[in-house]
């Protein structure tokens, strides 16, 4: 499980997962724009998003409903979603 549960730490961790899963080059978690639209600007398709969601579920021990996928358009929104799920668990 990721060590940081604050928004900044989650954003960095989610960005690193996206970079790794999509094999993005010349970008780091520190330089990744958390407000970048993953579908419109980065070209993530539904299979990529499903893969990323599965990794996040495993890493954070949460459940991400498929119905929520359309809400997860940016790393910032994903971090906010994860924070909400983690808070609901505690």
C-alpha atoms as a PDB file:
ATOM      1  CA  UNK A   1       0.000   0.000   0.000  1.00  0.00           C
ATOM      2  CA  UNK A   2       1.295   3.477  -0.807  1.00  0.00           C
ATOM      3  CA  UNK A   3       2.750   5.240   2.184  1.00  0.00           C
ATOM      4  CA  UNK A   4       1.196   8.650   1.585  1.00  0.00           C
ATOM      5  CA  UNK A   5      -2.529   9.126   2.005  1.00  0.00           C
ATOM      6  CA  UNK A   6      -2.596  12.891   1.517  1.00  0.00           C
ATOM      7  CA  UNK A   7      -3.750  14.397  -1.770  1.00  0.00           C
ATOM      8  CA  UNK A   8      -0.275  15.400  -2.971  1.00  0.00           C
ATOM      9  CA  UNK A   9       1.133  11.931  -2.251  1.00  0.00           C
ATOM     10  CA  UNK A  10      -1.816  10.208  -3.919  1.00  0.00           C
ATOM     11  CA  UNK A  11      -1.491  12.425  -6.997  1.00  0.00           C
ATOM     12  CA  UNK A  12       2.196  11.562  -7.297  1.00  0.00           C
ATOM     13  CA  UNK A  13       1.510   7.837  -6.846  1.00  0.00           C
ATOM     14  CA  UNK A  14      -1.388   7.786  -9.337  1.00  0.00           C
ATOM     15  CA  UNK A  15       0.734   9.695 -11.870  1.00  0.00           C
ATOM     16  CA  UNK A  16       3.557   7.164 -11.494  1.00  0.00           C
ATOM     17  CA  UNK A  17       1.095   4.292 -12.065  1.00  0.00           C
ATOM     18  CA  UNK A  18      -0.270   5.953 -15.213  1.00  0.00           C
ATOM     19  CA  UNK A  19       3.247   6.638 -16.498  1.00  0.00           C
ATOM     20  CA  UNK A  20       4.246   3.022 -15.885  1.00  0.00           C
ATOM     21  CA  UNK A  21       1.066   1.420 -17.256  1.00  0.00           C
ATOM     22  CA  UNK A  22       1.035   3.564 -20.399  1.00  0.00           C
ATOM     23  CA  UNK A  23       4.808   3.425 -20.794  1.00  0.00           C
ATOM     24  CA  UNK A  24       5.022   7.195 -21.120  1.00  0.00           C
ATOM     25  CA  UNK A  25       8.477   8.528 -21.825  1.00  0.00           C
ATOM     26  CA  UNK A  26      10.138  11.816 -20.876  1.00  0.00           C
ATOM     27  CA  UNK A  27       7.725  12.444 -18.024  1.00  0.00           C
ATOM     28  CA  UNK A  28       7.945  11.846 -14.297  1.00  0.00           C
ATOM     29  CA  UNK A  29       5.372  11.821 -11.515  1.00  0.00           C
ATOM     30  CA  UNK A  30       6.750  15.216 -10.458  1.00  0.00           C
ATOM     31  CA  UNK A  31       6.254  16.767 -13.914  1.00  0.00           C
ATOM     32  CA  UNK A  32       2.917  15.085 -14.696  1.00  0.00           C
ATOM     33  CA  UNK A  33       0.107  17.676 -14.886  1.00  0.00           C
ATOM     34  CA  UNK A  34      -2.559  16.384 -12.452  1.00  0.00           C
ATOM     35  CA  UNK A  35      -5.269  18.361 -14.279  1.00  0.00           C
ATOM     36  CA  UNK A  36      -4.496  16.862 -17.690  1.00  0.00           C
ATOM     37  CA  UNK A  37      -7.614  15.240 -19.163  1.00  0.00           C
ATOM     38  CA  UNK A  38      -6.583  11.605 -19.422  1.00  0.00           C
ATOM     39  CA  UNK A  39      -9.053  10.745 -22.180  1.00  0.00           C
ATOM     40  CA  UNK A  40      -9.095  13.891 -24.317  1.00  0.00           C
ATOM     41  CA  UNK A  41      -5.490  15.034 -23.902  1.00  0.00           C
ATOM     42  CA  UNK A  42      -3.592  11.814 -23.166  1.00  0.00           C
ATOM     43  CA  UNK A  43      -5.723   9.445 -25.231  1.00  0.00           C
ATOM     44  CA  UNK A  44      -6.446   6.867 -22.526  1.00  0.00           C
ATOM     45  CA  UNK A  45      -9.084   4.408 -23.690  1.00  0.00           C
ATOM     46  CA  UNK A  46     -11.495   2.357 -21.596  1.00  0.00           C
ATOM     47  CA  UNK A  47      -9.114  -0.627 -21.419  1.00  0.00           C
ATOM     48  CA  UNK A  48      -6.266   1.584 -20.162  1.00  0.00           C
ATOM     49  CA  UNK A  49      -8.564   3.128 -17.567  1.00  0.00           C
ATOM     50  CA  UNK A  50      -9.782  -0.299 -16.439  1.00  0.00           C
ATOM     51  CA  UNK A  51      -6.183  -1.482 -16.042  1.00  0.00           C
ATOM     52  CA  UNK A  52      -5.243   1.626 -14.060  1.00  0.00           C
ATOM     53  CA  UNK A  53      -8.363   1.229 -11.890  1.00  0.00           C
ATOM     54  CA  UNK A  54      -7.438  -2.388 -11.125  1.00  0.00           C
ATOM     55  CA  UNK A  55      -3.919  -1.377 -10.098  1.00  0.00           C
ATOM     56  CA  UNK A  56      -5.300   1.415  -7.884  1.00  0.00           C
ATOM     57  CA  UNK A  57      -7.777  -0.973  -6.268  1.00  0.00           C
ATOM     58  CA  UNK A  58      -4.950  -3.370  -5.426  1.00  0.00           C
ATOM     59  CA  UNK A  59      -2.613  -0.640  -4.194  1.00  0.00           C
ATOM     60  CA  UNK A  60      -5.131   1.241  -2.042  1.00  0.00           C
ATOM     61  CA  UNK A  61      -7.352  -1.735  -1.083  1.00  0.00           C
ATOM     62  CA  UNK A  62     -10.481   0.055  -2.322  1.00  0.00           C
ATOM     63  CA  UNK A  63     -13.234  -0.738  -4.798  1.00  0.00           C
ATOM     64  CA  UNK A  64     -13.686   1.466  -7.849  1.00  0.00           C
ATOM     65  CA  UNK A  65     -17.104   0.968  -9.437  1.00  0.00           C
ATOM     66  CA  UNK A  66     -17.139   0.795 -13.221  1.00  0.00           C
ATOM     67  CA  UNK A  67     -19.958   3.362 -13.149  1.00  0.00           C
ATOM     68  CA  UNK A  68     -17.450   5.804 -11.608  1.00  0.00           C
ATOM     69  CA  UNK A  69     -14.865   5.479 -14.400  1.00  0.00           C
ATOM     70  CA  UNK A  70     -16.262   8.465 -16.372  1.00  0.00           C
ATOM     71  CA  UNK A  71     -15.675  10.671 -13.296  1.00  0.00           C
ATOM     72  CA  UNK A  72     -11.970   9.760 -13.220  1.00  0.00           C
ATOM     73  CA  UNK A  73     -10.883  12.137 -15.959  1.00  0.00           C
ATOM     74  CA  UNK A  74      -7.789  13.639 -14.322  1.00  0.00           C
ATOM     75  CA  UNK A  75      -5.200  12.548 -11.793  1.00  0.00           C
ATOM     76  CA  UNK A  76      -6.552  15.225  -9.425  1.00  0.00           C
ATOM     77  CA  UNK A  77     -10.068  13.760  -9.663  1.00  0.00           C
ATOM     78  CA  UNK A  78      -8.716  10.230  -9.183  1.00  0.00           C
ATOM     79  CA  UNK A  79      -6.822  11.368  -6.058  1.00  0.00           C
ATOM     80  CA  UNK A  80      -9.963  13.027  -4.694  1.00  0.00           C
ATOM     81  CA  UNK A  81     -11.940   9.828  -5.387  1.00  0.00           C
ATOM     82  CA  UNK A  82      -9.326   7.668  -3.647  1.00  0.00           C
ATOM     83  CA  UNK A  83      -9.272  10.030  -0.648  1.00  0.00           C
ATOM     84  CA  UNK A  84     -13.039   9.692  -0.359  1.00  0.00           C
ATOM     85  CA  UNK A  85     -12.860   5.894  -0.530  1.00  0.00           C
ATOM     86  CA  UNK A  86     -10.091   5.768   2.084  1.00  0.00           C
ATOM     87  CA  UNK A  87     -11.994   8.110   4.396  1.00  0.00           C
ATOM     88  CA  UNK A  88     -15.131   5.968   4.061  1.00  0.00           C
ATOM     89  CA  UNK A  89     -13.135   2.896   5.118  1.00  0.00           C
ATOM     90  CA  UNK A  90     -11.953   4.524   8.361  1.00  0.00           C
END
